[in-house]
PDB file of N, CA and C in Angstrom:
ATOM      1  N   MET A   1     -24.108  16.579  22.511  1.00  0.00           N
ATOM      2  CA  MET A   1     -23.058  16.294  23.445  1.00  0.00           C
ATOM      3  C   MET A   1     -23.618  16.049  24.835  1.00  0.00           C
ATOM      4  N   SER A   2     -24.874  16.130  25.005  1.00  0.00           N
ATOM      5  CA  SER A   2     -25.466  16.004  26.324  1.00  0.00           C
ATOM      6  C   SER A   2     -25.225  14.651  26.958  1.00  0.00           C
ATOM      7  N   GLU A   3     -25.075  13.569  26.159  1.00  0.00           N
ATOM      8  CA  GLU A   3     -24.852  12.278  26.772  1.00  0.00           C
ATOM      9  C   GLU A   3     -23.474  12.162  27.391  1.00  0.00           C
ATOM     10  N   THR A   4     -22.532  13.044  27.052  1.00  0.00           N
ATOM     11  CA  THR A   4     -21.193  12.960  27.597  1.00  0.00           C
ATOM     12  C   THR A   4     -20.956  13.946  28.726  1.00  0.00           C
ATOM     13  N   ASN A   5     -21.844  14.872  28.950  1.00  0.00           N
ATOM     14  CA  ASN A   5     -21.578  15.935  29.915  1.00  0.00           C
ATOM     15  C   ASN A   5     -21.438  15.432  31.345  1.00  0.00           C
ATOM     16  N   ALA A   6     -22.208  14.445  31.752  1.00  0.00           N
ATOM     17  CA  ALA A   6     -22.195  14.007  33.138  1.00  0.00           C
ATOM     18  C   ALA A   6     -20.855  13.389  33.529  1.00  0.00           C
ATOM     19  N   THR A   7     -20.234  12.634  32.650  1.00  0.00           N
ATOM     20  CA  THR A   7     -19.008  11.934  33.000  1.00  0.00           C
ATOM     21  C   THR A   7     -17.886  12.229  32.017  1.00  0.00           C
ATOM     22  N   SER A   8     -17.920  13.339  31.332  1.00  0.00           N
ATOM     23  CA  SER A   8     -16.894  13.608  30.334  1.00  0.00           C
ATOM     24  C   SER A   8     -15.732  14.385  30.920  1.00  0.00           C
ATOM     25  N   THR A   9     -14.605  14.237  30.267  1.00  0.00           N
ATOM     26  CA  THR A   9     -13.404  14.988  30.563  1.00  0.00           C
ATOM     27  C   THR A   9     -13.074  15.794  29.323  1.00  0.00           C
ATOM     28  N   GLU A  10     -12.786  17.069  29.490  1.00  0.00           N
ATOM     29  CA  GLU A  10     -12.422  17.886  28.342  1.00  0.00           C
ATOM     30  C   GLU A  10     -10.914  18.024  28.247  1.00  0.00           C
ATOM     31  N   LEU A  11     -10.383  17.600  27.128  1.00  0.00           N
ATOM     32  CA  LEU A  11      -8.973  17.781  26.838  1.00  0.00           C
ATOM     33  C   LEU A  11      -8.821  18.998  25.942  1.00  0.00           C
ATOM     34  N   ARG A  12      -7.714  19.715  26.119  1.00  0.00           N
ATOM     35  CA  ARG A  12      -7.408  20.893  25.308  1.00  0.00           C
ATOM     36  C   ARG A  12      -6.261  20.522  24.373  1.00  0.00           C
ATOM     37  N   LEU A  13      -6.483  20.669  23.086  1.00  0.00           N
ATOM     38  CA  LEU A  13      -5.440  20.424  22.103  1.00  0.00           C
ATOM     39  C   LEU A  13      -4.989  21.751  21.528  1.00  0.00           C
ATOM     40  N   THR A  14      -3.695  21.980  21.539  1.00  0.00           N
ATOM     41  CA  THR A  14      -3.131  23.168  20.918  1.00  0.00           C
ATOM     42  C   THR A  14      -2.063  22.724  19.931  1.00  0.00           C
ATOM     43  N   VAL A  15      -1.873  23.527  18.901  1.00  0.00           N
ATOM     44  CA  VAL A  15      -0.871  23.240  17.879  1.00  0.00           C
ATOM     45  C   VAL A  15       0.120  24.380  17.871  1.00  0.00           C
ATOM     46  N   SER A  16       1.389  24.038  17.839  1.00  0.00           N
ATOM     47  CA  SER A  16       2.418  25.064  17.717  1.00  0.00           C
ATOM     48  C   SER A  16       3.294  24.739  16.517  1.00  0.00           C
ATOM     49  N   GLY A  17       3.826  25.773  15.913  1.00  0.00           N
ATOM     50  CA  GLY A  17       4.648  25.636  14.718  1.00  0.00           C
ATOM     51  C   GLY A  17       4.148  26.578  13.651  1.00  0.00           C
ATOM     52  N   THR A  18       4.686  26.424  12.461  1.00  0.00           N
ATOM     53  CA  THR A  18       4.307  27.275  11.345  1.00  0.00           C
ATOM     54  C   THR A  18       2.847  27.051  10.979  1.00  0.00           C
ATOM     55  N   GLU A  19       2.117  28.142  10.777  1.00  0.00           N
ATOM     56  CA  GLU A  19       0.695  28.092  10.399  1.00  0.00           C
ATOM     57  C   GLU A  19      -0.128  27.246  11.365  1.00  0.00           C
ATOM     58  N   ALA A  20       0.075  27.479  12.663  1.00  0.00           N
ATOM     59  CA  ALA A  20      -0.567  26.678  13.703  1.00  0.00           C
ATOM     60  C   ALA A  20      -2.092  26.690  13.594  1.00  0.00           C
ATOM     61  N   LEU A  21      -2.691  27.851  13.334  1.00  0.00           N
ATOM     62  CA  LEU A  21      -4.148  27.922  13.260  1.00  0.00           C
ATOM     63  C   LEU A  21      -4.694  27.072  12.120  1.00  0.00           C
ATOM     64  N   GLU A  22      -4.048  27.114  10.974  1.00  0.00           N
ATOM     65  CA  GLU A  22      -4.492  26.300   9.846  1.00  0.00           C
ATOM     66  C   GLU A  22      -4.374  24.811  10.175  1.00  0.00           C
ATOM     67  N   HIS A  23      -3.286  24.441  10.864  1.00  0.00           N
ATOM     68  CA  HIS A  23      -3.117  23.037  11.257  1.00  0.00           C
ATOM     69  C   HIS A  23      -4.154  22.625  12.292  1.00  0.00           C
ATOM     70  N   LEU A  24      -4.493  23.526  13.207  1.00  0.00           N
ATOM     71  CA  LEU A  24      -5.510  23.216  14.210  1.00  0.00           C
ATOM     72  C   LEU A  24      -6.867  22.984  13.544  1.00  0.00           C
ATOM     73  N   ARG A  25      -7.200  23.818  12.587  1.00  0.00           N
ATOM     74  CA  ARG A  25      -8.462  23.616  11.855  1.00  0.00           C
ATOM     75  C   ARG A  25      -8.442  22.313  11.069  1.00  0.00           C
ATOM     76  N   ALA A  26      -7.304  21.997  10.456  1.00  0.00           N
ATOM     77  CA  ALA A  26      -7.187  20.742   9.709  1.00  0.00           C
ATOM     78  C   ALA A  26      -7.304  19.544  10.651  1.00  0.00           C
ATOM     79  N   LEU A  27      -6.719  19.662  11.839  1.00  0.00           N
ATOM     80  CA  LEU A  27      -6.821  18.589  12.825  1.00  0.00           C
ATOM     81  C   LEU A  27      -8.271  18.384  13.238  1.00  0.00           C
ATOM     82  N   ARG A  28      -8.993  19.476  13.459  1.00  0.00           N
ATOM     83  CA  ARG A  28     -10.405  19.356  13.817  1.00  0.00           C
ATOM     84  C   ARG A  28     -11.182  18.641  12.719  1.00  0.00           C
ATOM     85  N   GLU A  29     -10.946  19.043  11.477  1.00  0.00           N
ATOM     86  CA  GLU A  29     -11.638  18.389  10.355  1.00  0.00           C
ATOM     87  C   GLU A  29     -11.297  16.903  10.304  1.00  0.00           C
ATOM     88  N   TRP A  30     -10.035  16.566  10.519  1.00  0.00           N
ATOM     89  CA  TRP A  30      -9.592  15.172  10.506  1.00  0.00           C
ATOM     90  C   TRP A  30     -10.294  14.379  11.605  1.00  0.00           C
ATOM     91  N   LEU A  31     -10.333  14.935  12.804  1.00  0.00           N
ATOM     92  CA  LEU A  31     -10.920  14.221  13.935  1.00  0.00           C
ATOM     93  C   LEU A  31     -12.431  14.045  13.794  1.00  0.00           C
ATOM     94  N   THR A  32     -13.096  14.961  13.072  1.00  0.00           N
ATOM     95  CA  THR A  32     -14.546  14.794  12.883  1.00  0.00           C
ATOM     96  C   THR A  32     -14.873  13.595  12.009  1.00  0.00           C
ATOM     97  N   LEU A  33     -13.876  13.047  11.321  1.00  0.00           N
ATOM     98  CA  LEU A  33     -14.098  11.842  10.522  1.00  0.00           C
ATOM     99  C   LEU A  33     -14.243  10.600  11.398  1.00  0.00           C
ATOM    100  N   GLU A  34     -13.825  10.709  12.645  1.00  0.00           N
ATOM    101  CA  GLU A  34     -13.924   9.594  13.587  1.00  0.00           C
ATOM    102  C   GLU A  34     -15.305   9.598  14.237  1.00  0.00           C
ATOM    103  N   GLU A  35     -16.041   8.539  14.044  1.00  0.00           N
ATOM    104  CA  GLU A  35     -17.401   8.431  14.593  1.00  0.00           C
ATOM    105  C   GLU A  35     -17.419   8.677  16.102  1.00  0.00           C
ATOM    106  N   ALA A  36     -16.440   8.148  16.819  1.00  0.00           N
ATOM    107  CA  ALA A  36     -16.404   8.265  18.285  1.00  0.00           C
ATOM    108  C   ALA A  36     -16.146   9.695  18.756  1.00  0.00           C
ATOM    109  N   LEU A  37     -15.668  10.567  17.854  1.00  0.00           N
ATOM    110  CA  LEU A  37     -15.343  11.936  18.250  1.00  0.00           C
ATOM    111  C   LEU A  37     -16.321  12.969  17.712  1.00  0.00           C
ATOM    112  N   ARG A  38     -17.204  12.572  16.819  1.00  0.00           N
ATOM    113  CA  ARG A  38     -18.165  13.527  16.267  1.00  0.00           C
ATOM    114  C   ARG A  38     -19.035  14.099  17.369  1.00  0.00           C
ATOM    115  N   GLY A  39     -19.233  15.416  17.305  1.00  0.00           N
ATOM    116  CA  GLY A  39     -20.043  16.087  18.306  1.00  0.00           C
ATOM    117  C   GLY A  39     -19.299  16.366  19.600  1.00  0.00           C
ATOM    118  N   ARG A  40     -18.031  16.008  19.663  1.00  0.00           N
ATOM    119  CA  ARG A  40     -17.239  16.198  20.877  1.00  0.00           C
ATOM    120  C   ARG A  40     -16.120  17.220  20.691  1.00  0.00           C
ATOM    121  N   LEU A  41     -16.064  17.874  19.534  1.00  0.00           N
ATOM    122  CA  LEU A  41     -14.967  18.779  19.189  1.00  0.00           C
ATOM    123  C   LEU A  41     -15.468  20.213  19.081  1.00  0.00           C
ATOM    124  N   THR A  42     -14.769  21.138  19.725  1.00  0.00           N
ATOM    125  CA  THR A  42     -15.140  22.545  19.668  1.00  0.00           C
ATOM    126  C   THR A  42     -13.883  23.397  19.616  1.00  0.00           C
ATOM    127  N   LEU A  43     -13.827  24.314  18.647  1.00  0.00           N
ATOM    128  CA  LEU A  43     -12.737  25.282  18.604  1.00  0.00           C
ATOM    129  C   LEU A  43     -13.079  26.433  19.547  1.00  0.00           C
ATOM    130  N   HIS A  44     -12.131  26.818  20.371  1.00  0.00           N
ATOM    131  CA  HIS A  44     -12.315  27.930  21.297  1.00  0.00           C
ATOM    132  C   HIS A  44     -11.221  28.948  21.070  1.00  0.00           C
ATOM    133  N   GLY A  45     -11.572  30.187  21.342  1.00  0.00           N
ATOM    134  CA  GLY A  45     -10.586  31.257  21.246  1.00  0.00           C
ATOM    135  C   GLY A  45     -10.164  31.733  22.615  1.00  0.00           C
ATOM    136  N   GLU A  46      -9.008  32.279  22.651  1.00  0.00           N
ATOM    137  CA  GLU A  46      -8.490  32.900  23.863  1.00  0.00           C
ATOM    138  C   GLU A  46      -8.778  34.390  23.788  1.00  0.00           C
ATOM    139  N   ALA A  47      -8.788  35.067  24.902  1.00  0.00           N
ATOM    140  CA  ALA A  47      -8.986  36.513  24.927  1.00  0.00           C
ATOM    141  C   ALA A  47      -7.859  37.179  24.147  1.00  0.00           C
ATOM    142  N   PRO A  48      -8.174  38.242  23.419  1.00  0.00           N
ATOM    143  CA  PRO A  48      -7.123  38.907  22.642  1.00  0.00           C
ATOM    144  C   PRO A  48      -6.093  39.583  23.549  1.00  0.00           C
ATOM    145  N   GLU A  49      -4.884  39.639  23.039  1.00  0.00           N
ATOM    146  CA  GLU A  49      -3.830  40.339  23.772  1.00  0.00           C
ATOM    147  C   GLU A  49      -4.100  41.834  23.697  1.00  0.00           C
ATOM    148  N   PRO A  50      -3.596  42.583  24.670  1.00  0.00           N
ATOM    149  CA  PRO A  50      -3.782  44.041  24.620  1.00  0.00           C
ATOM    150  C   PRO A  50      -3.282  44.612  23.295  1.00  0.00           C
ATOM    151  N   GLY A  51      -4.096  45.482  22.705  1.00  0.00           N
ATOM    152  CA  GLY A  51      -3.726  46.091  21.434  1.00  0.00           C
ATOM    153  C   GLY A  51      -4.152  45.301  20.214  1.00  0.00           C
ATOM    154  N   HIS A  52      -4.750  44.113  20.412  1.00  0.00           N
ATOM    155  CA  HIS A  52      -5.217  43.290  19.303  1.00  0.00           C
ATOM    156  C   HIS A  52      -6.732  43.199  19.343  1.00  0.00           C
ATOM    157  N   MET A  53      -7.340  43.071  18.170  1.00  0.00           N
ATOM    158  CA  MET A  53      -8.793  42.976  18.096  1.00  0.00           C
ATOM    159  C   MET A  53      -9.221  41.524  17.932  1.00  0.00           C
ATOM    160  N   GLY A  54     -10.393  41.204  18.458  1.00  0.00           N
ATOM    161  CA  GLY A  54     -10.979  39.887  18.246  1.00  0.00           C
ATOM    162  C   GLY A  54     -10.285  38.803  19.047  1.00  0.00           C
ATOM    163  N   THR A  55     -10.682  37.569  18.759  1.00  0.00           N
ATOM    164  CA  THR A  55     -10.085  36.410  19.420  1.00  0.00           C
ATOM    165  C   THR A  55      -9.463  35.520  18.366  1.00  0.00           C
ATOM    166  N   SER A  56      -8.547  34.675  18.801  1.00  0.00           N
ATOM    167  CA  SER A  56      -7.998  33.699  17.874  1.00  0.00           C
ATOM    168  C   SER A  56      -8.490  32.329  18.304  1.00  0.00           C
ATOM    169  N   MET A  57      -8.880  31.523  17.357  1.00  0.00           N
ATOM    170  CA  MET A  57      -9.372  30.180  17.644  1.00  0.00           C
ATOM    171  C   MET A  57      -8.156  29.274  17.768  1.00  0.00           C
ATOM    172  N   ASP A  58      -7.604  29.179  18.978  1.00  0.00           N
ATOM    173  CA  ASP A  58      -6.347  28.472  19.104  1.00  0.00           C
ATOM    174  C   ASP A  58      -6.376  27.264  20.026  1.00  0.00           C
ATOM    175  N   VAL A  59      -7.558  26.851  20.451  1.00  0.00           N
ATOM    176  CA  VAL A  59      -7.677  25.681  21.305  1.00  0.00           C
ATOM    177  C   VAL A  59      -8.794  24.795  20.764  1.00  0.00           C
ATOM    178  N   LEU A  60      -8.496  23.508  20.609  1.00  0.00           N
ATOM    179  CA  LEU A  60      -9.509  22.543  20.213  1.00  0.00           C
ATOM    180  C   LEU A  60      -9.865  21.733  21.447  1.00  0.00           C
ATOM    181  N   MET A  61     -11.122  21.847  21.878  1.00  0.00           N
ATOM    182  CA  MET A  61     -11.600  21.114  23.046  1.00  0.00           C
ATOM    183  C   MET A  61     -12.195  19.790  22.580  1.00  0.00           C
ATOM    184  N   VAL A  62     -11.839  18.721  23.290  1.00  0.00           N
ATOM    185  CA  VAL A  62     -12.357  17.391  22.979  1.00  0.00           C
ATOM    186  C   VAL A  62     -12.991  16.846  24.247  1.00  0.00           C
ATOM    187  N   ALA A  63     -14.290  16.617  24.204  1.00  0.00           N
ATOM    188  CA  ALA A  63     -15.011  16.046  25.343  1.00  0.00           C
ATOM    189  C   ALA A  63     -14.977  14.532  25.226  1.00  0.00           C
ATOM    190  N   LEU A  64     -14.326  13.898  26.186  1.00  0.00           N
ATOM    191  CA  LEU A  64     -14.220  12.437  26.179  1.00  0.00           C
ATOM    192  C   LEU A  64     -15.083  11.859  27.274  1.00  0.00           C
ATOM    193  N   GLY A  65     -15.799  10.815  26.951  1.00  0.00           N
ATOM    194  CA  GLY A  65     -16.571  10.079  27.943  1.00  0.00           C
ATOM    195  C   GLY A  65     -16.083   8.652  27.930  1.00  0.00           C
ATOM    196  N   SER A  66     -16.914   7.750  28.343  1.00  0.00           N
ATOM    197  CA  SER A  66     -16.554   6.341  28.294  1.00  0.00           C
ATOM    198  C   SER A  66     -16.694   5.850  26.863  1.00  0.00           C
ATOM    199  N   GLY A  67     -16.203   4.661  26.612  1.00  0.00           N
ATOM    200  CA  GLY A  67     -16.377   4.076  25.295  1.00  0.00           C
ATOM    201  C   GLY A  67     -15.153   4.124  24.410  1.00  0.00           C
ATOM    202  N   GLY A  68     -13.994   4.448  24.947  1.00  0.00           N
ATOM    203  CA  GLY A  68     -12.773   4.370  24.171  1.00  0.00           C
ATOM    204  C   GLY A  68     -12.458   5.561  23.289  1.00  0.00           C
ATOM    205  N   ALA A  69     -13.122   6.687  23.510  1.00  0.00           N
ATOM    206  CA  ALA A  69     -12.851   7.864  22.682  1.00  0.00           C
ATOM    207  C   ALA A  69     -11.411   8.347  22.853  1.00  0.00           C
ATOM    208  N   GLY A  70     -10.827   8.126  24.023  1.00  0.00           N
ATOM    209  CA  GLY A  70      -9.439   8.524  24.245  1.00  0.00           C
ATOM    210  C   GLY A  70      -8.483   7.768  23.348  1.00  0.00           C
ATOM    211  N   ALA A  71      -8.701   6.467  23.199  1.00  0.00           N
ATOM    212  CA  ALA A  71      -7.855   5.664  22.317  1.00  0.00           C
ATOM    213  C   ALA A  71      -8.034   6.084  20.864  1.00  0.00           C
ATOM    214  N   VAL A  72      -9.274   6.380  20.489  1.00  0.00           N
ATOM    215  CA  VAL A  72      -9.553   6.846  19.121  1.00  0.00           C
ATOM    216  C   VAL A  72      -8.842   8.164  18.873  1.00  0.00           C
ATOM    217  N   LEU A  73      -8.906   9.077  19.837  1.00  0.00           N
ATOM    218  CA  LEU A  73      -8.227  10.364  19.712  1.00  0.00           C
ATOM    219  C   LEU A  73      -6.730  10.161  19.530  1.00  0.00           C
ATOM    220  N   ALA A  74      -6.113   9.362  20.372  1.00  0.00           N
ATOM    221  CA  ALA A  74      -4.665   9.150  20.307  1.00  0.00           C
ATOM    222  C   ALA A  74      -4.250   8.530  18.972  1.00  0.00           C
ATOM    223  N   ARG A  75      -4.976   7.518  18.531  1.00  0.00           N
ATOM    224  CA  ARG A  75      -4.645   6.854  17.265  1.00  0.00           C
ATOM    225  C   ARG A  75      -4.808   7.804  16.093  1.00  0.00           C
ATOM    226  N   SER A  76      -5.916   8.525  16.070  1.00  0.00           N
ATOM    227  CA  SER A  76      -6.193   9.436  14.968  1.00  0.00           C
ATOM    228  C   SER A  76      -5.203  10.597  14.947  1.00  0.00           C
ATOM    229  N   LEU A  77      -4.860  11.096  16.120  1.00  0.00           N
ATOM    230  CA  LEU A  77      -3.892  12.186  16.224  1.00  0.00           C
ATOM    231  C   LEU A  77      -2.528  11.775  15.677  1.00  0.00           C
ATOM    232  N   THR A  78      -2.069  10.585  16.036  1.00  0.00           N
ATOM    233  CA  THR A  78      -0.762  10.142  15.546  1.00  0.00           C
ATOM    234  C   THR A  78      -0.775   9.935  14.042  1.00  0.00           C
ATOM    235  N   THR A  79      -1.852   9.384  13.511  1.00  0.00           N
ATOM    236  CA  THR A  79      -1.952   9.195  12.054  1.00  0.00           C
ATOM    237  C   THR A  79      -1.924  10.540  11.347  1.00  0.00           C
ATOM    238  N   TRP A  80      -2.663  11.511  11.873  1.00  0.00           N
ATOM    239  CA  TRP A  80      -2.695  12.845  11.273  1.00  0.00           C
ATOM    240  C   TRP A  80      -1.308  13.479  11.285  1.00  0.00           C
ATOM    241  N   LEU A  81      -0.621  13.384  12.420  1.00  0.00           N
ATOM    242  CA  LEU A  81       0.704  13.997  12.532  1.00  0.00           C
ATOM    243  C   LEU A  81       1.717  13.378  11.568  1.00  0.00           C
ATOM    244  N   VAL A  82       1.686  12.069  11.423  1.00  0.00           N
ATOM    245  CA  VAL A  82       2.635  11.399  10.529  1.00  0.00           C
ATOM    246  C   VAL A  82       2.460  11.903   9.095  1.00  0.00           C
ATOM    247  N   GLN A  83       1.272  12.302   8.723  1.00  0.00           N
ATOM    248  CA  GLN A  83       0.995  12.772   7.369  1.00  0.00           C
ATOM    249  C   GLN A  83       1.358  14.244   7.151  1.00  0.00           C
ATOM    250  N   ARG A  84       1.737  14.966   8.204  1.00  0.00           N
ATOM    251  CA  ARG A  84       2.094  16.385   8.068  1.00  0.00           C
ATOM    252  C   ARG A  84       3.474  16.519   7.447  1.00  0.00           C
ATOM    253  N   ARG A  85       3.633  17.551   6.663  1.00  0.00           N
ATOM    254  CA  ARG A  85       4.929  17.856   6.073  1.00  0.00           C
ATOM    255  C   ARG A  85       5.647  18.961   6.853  1.00  0.00           C
ATOM    256  N   SER A  86       4.934  19.623   7.737  1.00  0.00           N
ATOM    257  CA  SER A  86       5.495  20.717   8.523  1.00  0.00           C
ATOM    258  C   SER A  86       6.009  20.197   9.863  1.00  0.00           C
ATOM    259  N   ASP A  87       6.894  20.955  10.461  1.00  0.00           N
ATOM    260  CA  ASP A  87       7.396  20.641  11.791  1.00  0.00           C
ATOM    261  C   ASP A  87       6.460  21.285  12.809  1.00  0.00           C
ATOM    262  N   ILE A  88       5.466  20.525  13.234  1.00  0.00           N
ATOM    263  CA  ILE A  88       4.485  21.040  14.186  1.00  0.00           C
ATOM    264  C   ILE A  88       4.425  20.129  15.405  1.00  0.00           C
ATOM    265  N   LYS A  89       3.844  20.669  16.462  1.00  0.00           N
ATOM    266  CA  LYS A  89       3.690  19.911  17.691  1.00  0.00           C
ATOM    267  C   LYS A  89       2.266  20.108  18.196  1.00  0.00           C
ATOM    268  N   VAL A  90       1.656  19.024  18.665  1.00  0.00           N
ATOM    269  CA  VAL A  90       0.331  19.085  19.272  1.00  0.00           C
ATOM    270  C   VAL A  90       0.487  18.777  20.756  1.00  0.00           C
ATOM    271  N   THR A  91      -0.083  19.637  21.586  1.00  0.00           N
ATOM    272  CA  THR A  91      -0.077  19.408  23.033  1.00  0.00           C
ATOM    273  C   THR A  91      -1.486  19.041  23.457  1.00  0.00           C
ATOM    274  N   VAL A  92      -1.612  17.905  24.139  1.00  0.00           N
ATOM    275  CA  VAL A  92      -2.889  17.448  24.692  1.00  0.00           C
ATOM    276  C   VAL A  92      -2.817  17.722  26.187  1.00  0.00           C
ATOM    277  N   ARG A  93      -3.697  18.602  26.678  1.00  0.00           N
ATOM    278  CA  ARG A  93      -3.650  19.020  28.074  1.00  0.00           C
ATOM    279  C   ARG A  93      -4.948  18.626  28.781  1.00  0.00           C
ATOM    280  N   ALA A  94      -4.792  17.985  29.935  1.00  0.00           N
ATOM    281  CA  ALA A  94      -5.932  17.581  30.756  1.00  0.00           C
ATOM    282  C   ALA A  94      -6.332  18.720  31.680  1.00  0.00           C
ATOM    283  N   PRO A  95      -7.543  18.667  32.245  1.00  0.00           N
ATOM    284  CA  PRO A  95      -8.001  19.727  33.145  1.00  0.00           C
ATOM    285  C   PRO A  95      -7.102  19.926  34.364  1.00  0.00           C
ATOM    286  N   ASP A  96      -6.419  18.879  34.802  1.00  0.00           N
ATOM    287  CA  ASP A  96      -5.551  18.995  35.975  1.00  0.00           C
ATOM    288  C   ASP A  96      -4.170  19.552  35.644  1.00  0.00           C
ATOM    289  N   GLY A  97      -3.931  19.901  34.370  1.00  0.00           N
ATOM    290  CA  GLY A  97      -2.647  20.460  33.965  1.00  0.00           C
ATOM    291  C   GLY A  97      -1.688  19.441  33.382  1.00  0.00           C
ATOM    292  N   GLY A  98      -1.973  18.160  33.578  1.00  0.00           N
ATOM    293  CA  GLY A  98      -1.129  17.130  32.963  1.00  0.00           C
ATOM    294  C   GLY A  98      -1.205  17.247  31.453  1.00  0.00           C
ATOM    295  N   HIS A  99      -0.110  16.905  30.775  1.00  0.00           N
ATOM    296  CA  HIS A  99      -0.130  17.046  29.330  1.00  0.00           C
ATOM    297  C   HIS A  99       0.820  16.061  28.646  1.00  0.00           C
ATOM    298  N   VAL A 100       0.567  15.867  27.374  1.00  0.00           N
ATOM    299  CA  VAL A 100       1.408  15.060  26.493  1.00  0.00           C
ATOM    300  C   VAL A 100       1.680  15.910  25.267  1.00  0.00           C
ATOM    301  N   GLU A 101       2.944  16.006  24.880  1.00  0.00           N
ATOM    302  CA  GLU A 101       3.315  16.733  23.668  1.00  0.00           C
ATOM    303  C   GLU A 101       3.717  15.727  22.605  1.00  0.00           C
ATOM    304  N   VAL A 102       3.143  15.884  21.422  1.00  0.00           N
ATOM    305  CA  VAL A 102       3.410  14.954  20.335  1.00  0.00           C
ATOM    306  C   VAL A 102       3.830  15.743  19.106  1.00  0.00           C
ATOM    307  N   ASP A 103       4.955  15.363  18.524  1.00  0.00           N
ATOM    308  CA  ASP A 103       5.376  15.979  17.273  1.00  0.00           C
ATOM    309  C   ASP A 103       5.486  14.886  16.218  1.00  0.00           C
ATOM    310  N   VAL A 104       5.900  15.259  15.028  1.00  0.00           N
ATOM    311  CA  VAL A 104       5.950  14.306  13.920  1.00  0.00           C
ATOM    312  C   VAL A 104       6.872  13.139  14.254  1.00  0.00           C
ATOM    313  N   LYS A 105       8.008  13.410  14.866  1.00  0.00           N
ATOM    314  CA  LYS A 105       8.956  12.332  15.191  1.00  0.00           C
ATOM    315  C   LYS A 105       8.368  11.364  16.203  1.00  0.00           C
ATOM    316  N   ARG A 106       7.729  11.872  17.244  1.00  0.00           N
ATOM    317  CA  ARG A 106       7.136  10.999  18.268  1.00  0.00           C
ATOM    318  C   ARG A 106       5.936  10.249  17.727  1.00  0.00           C
ATOM    319  N   ALA A 107       5.222  10.844  16.766  1.00  0.00           N
ATOM    320  CA  ALA A 107       4.045  10.185  16.202  1.00  0.00           C
ATOM    321  C   ALA A 107       4.427   8.949  15.397  1.00  0.00           C
ATOM    322  N   ALA A 108       5.690   8.832  15.037  1.00  0.00           N
ATOM    323  CA  ALA A 108       6.136   7.643  14.308  1.00  0.00           C
ATOM    324  C   ALA A 108       6.049   6.394  15.179  1.00  0.00           C
ATOM    325  N   ASP A 109       5.870   6.552  16.488  1.00  0.00           N
ATOM    326  CA  ASP A 109       5.689   5.438  17.417  1.00  0.00           C
ATOM    327  C   ASP A 109       4.293   5.545  18.032  1.00  0.00           C
ATOM    328  N   PRO A 110       3.250   5.227  17.227  1.00  0.00           N
ATOM    329  CA  PRO A 110       1.880   5.446  17.696  1.00  0.00           C
ATOM    330  C   PRO A 110       1.535   4.692  18.971  1.00  0.00           C
ATOM    331  N   ALA A 111       2.081   3.507  19.169  1.00  0.00           N
ATOM    332  CA  ALA A 111       1.763   2.740  20.372  1.00  0.00           C
ATOM    333  C   ALA A 111       2.200   3.510  21.621  1.00  0.00           C
ATOM    334  N   ARG A 112       3.340   4.161  21.551  1.00  0.00           N
ATOM    335  CA  ARG A 112       3.827   4.939  22.693  1.00  0.00           C
ATOM    336  C   ARG A 112       2.927   6.150  22.953  1.00  0.00           C
ATOM    337  N   VAL A 113       2.527   6.837  21.892  1.00  0.00           N
ATOM    338  CA  VAL A 113       1.651   8.003  22.054  1.00  0.00           C
ATOM    339  C   VAL A 113       0.312   7.577  22.650  1.00  0.00           C
ATOM    340  N   ILE A 114      -0.253   6.497  22.141  1.00  0.00           N
ATOM    341  CA  ILE A 114      -1.528   5.995  22.662  1.00  0.00           C
ATOM    342  C   ILE A 114      -1.382   5.656  24.144  1.00  0.00           C
ATOM    343  N   ALA A 115      -0.271   5.008  24.509  1.00  0.00           N
ATOM    344  CA  ALA A 115      -0.038   4.656  25.919  1.00  0.00           C
ATOM    345  C   ALA A 115       0.066   5.914  26.778  1.00  0.00           C
ATOM    346  N   GLU A 116       0.744   6.953  26.276  1.00  0.00           N
ATOM    347  CA  GLU A 116       0.886   8.184  27.054  1.00  0.00           C
ATOM    348  C   GLU A 116      -0.454   8.897  27.236  1.00  0.00           C
ATOM    349  N   VAL A 117      -1.287   8.895  26.207  1.00  0.00           N
ATOM    350  CA  VAL A 117      -2.614   9.519  26.343  1.00  0.00           C
ATOM    351  C   VAL A 117      -3.458   8.717  27.331  1.00  0.00           C
ATOM    352  N   HIS A 118      -3.371   7.376  27.267  1.00  0.00           N
ATOM    353  CA  HIS A 118      -4.094   6.548  28.240  1.00  0.00           C
ATOM    354  C   HIS A 118      -3.617   6.840  29.656  1.00  0.00           C
ATOM    355  N   THR A 119      -2.319   7.006  29.843  1.00  0.00           N
ATOM    356  CA  THR A 119      -1.781   7.340  31.158  1.00  0.00           C
ATOM    357  C   THR A 119      -2.332   8.677  31.631  1.00  0.00           C
ATOM    358  N   LEU A 120      -2.352   9.656  30.733  1.00  0.00           N
ATOM    359  CA  LEU A 120      -2.901  10.970  31.066  1.00  0.00           C
ATOM    360  C   LEU A 120      -4.360  10.851  31.497  1.00  0.00           C
ATOM    361  N   LEU A 121      -5.148  10.091  30.752  1.00  0.00           N
ATOM    362  CA  LEU A 121      -6.558   9.917  31.092  1.00  0.00           C
ATOM    363  C   LEU A 121      -6.724   9.122  32.387  1.00  0.00           C
ATOM    364  N   GLY A 122      -5.866   8.132  32.600  1.00  0.00           N
ATOM    365  CA  GLY A 122      -5.924   7.339  33.819  1.00  0.00           C
ATOM    366  C   GLY A 122      -5.654   8.164  35.060  1.00  0.00           C
ATOM    367  N   GLN A 123      -4.775   9.164  34.946  1.00  0.00           N
ATOM    368  CA  GLN A 123      -4.471  10.028  36.088  1.00  0.00           C
ATOM    369  C   GLN A 123      -5.688  10.866  36.471  1.00  0.00           C
ATOM    370  N   LEU A 124      -6.527  11.156  35.512  1.00  0.00           N
ATOM    371  CA  LEU A 124      -7.728  11.945  35.806  1.00  0.00           C
ATOM    372  C   LEU A 124      -8.757  11.135  36.572  1.00  0.00           C
ATOM    373  N   GLU A 125      -8.772   9.822  36.340  1.00  0.00           N
ATOM    374  CA  GLU A 125      -9.760   8.961  36.975  1.00  0.00           C
ATOM    375  C   GLU A 125      -9.385   8.591  38.394  1.00  0.00           C
ATOM    376  N   SER A 126      -8.096   8.706  38.745  1.00  0.00           N
ATOM    377  CA  SER A 126      -7.677   8.281  40.092  1.00  0.00           C
ATOM    378  C   SER A 126      -7.764   9.398  41.104  1.00  0.00           C
TER     379      SER A 126
END
């Protein structure tokens, strides 16, 4: 990942809904099939809540650099969501707090989702 560190942006993907952790792991596996995203995906855990042990792996970090990885992410994410049978939602959050929420219904319009992710990434560059 060293070639992307100098100019990369890290997006945080979270999944909410039934069996969110299993869906997050499945999403990571799906995204690793994309050549442009290989080596750019990392599961991270949040600190445990008081009274709980260990961490939960509930955030998928995606390091994006130049070369269209953002478009690949958006396209692949929408395809993955359309194939889900569960009512789940994926939130793509930028470092500045901007975010896009995508669920199965919204993923049925992939061009719109891709445009929204591009807008999110464009706001980071300005």
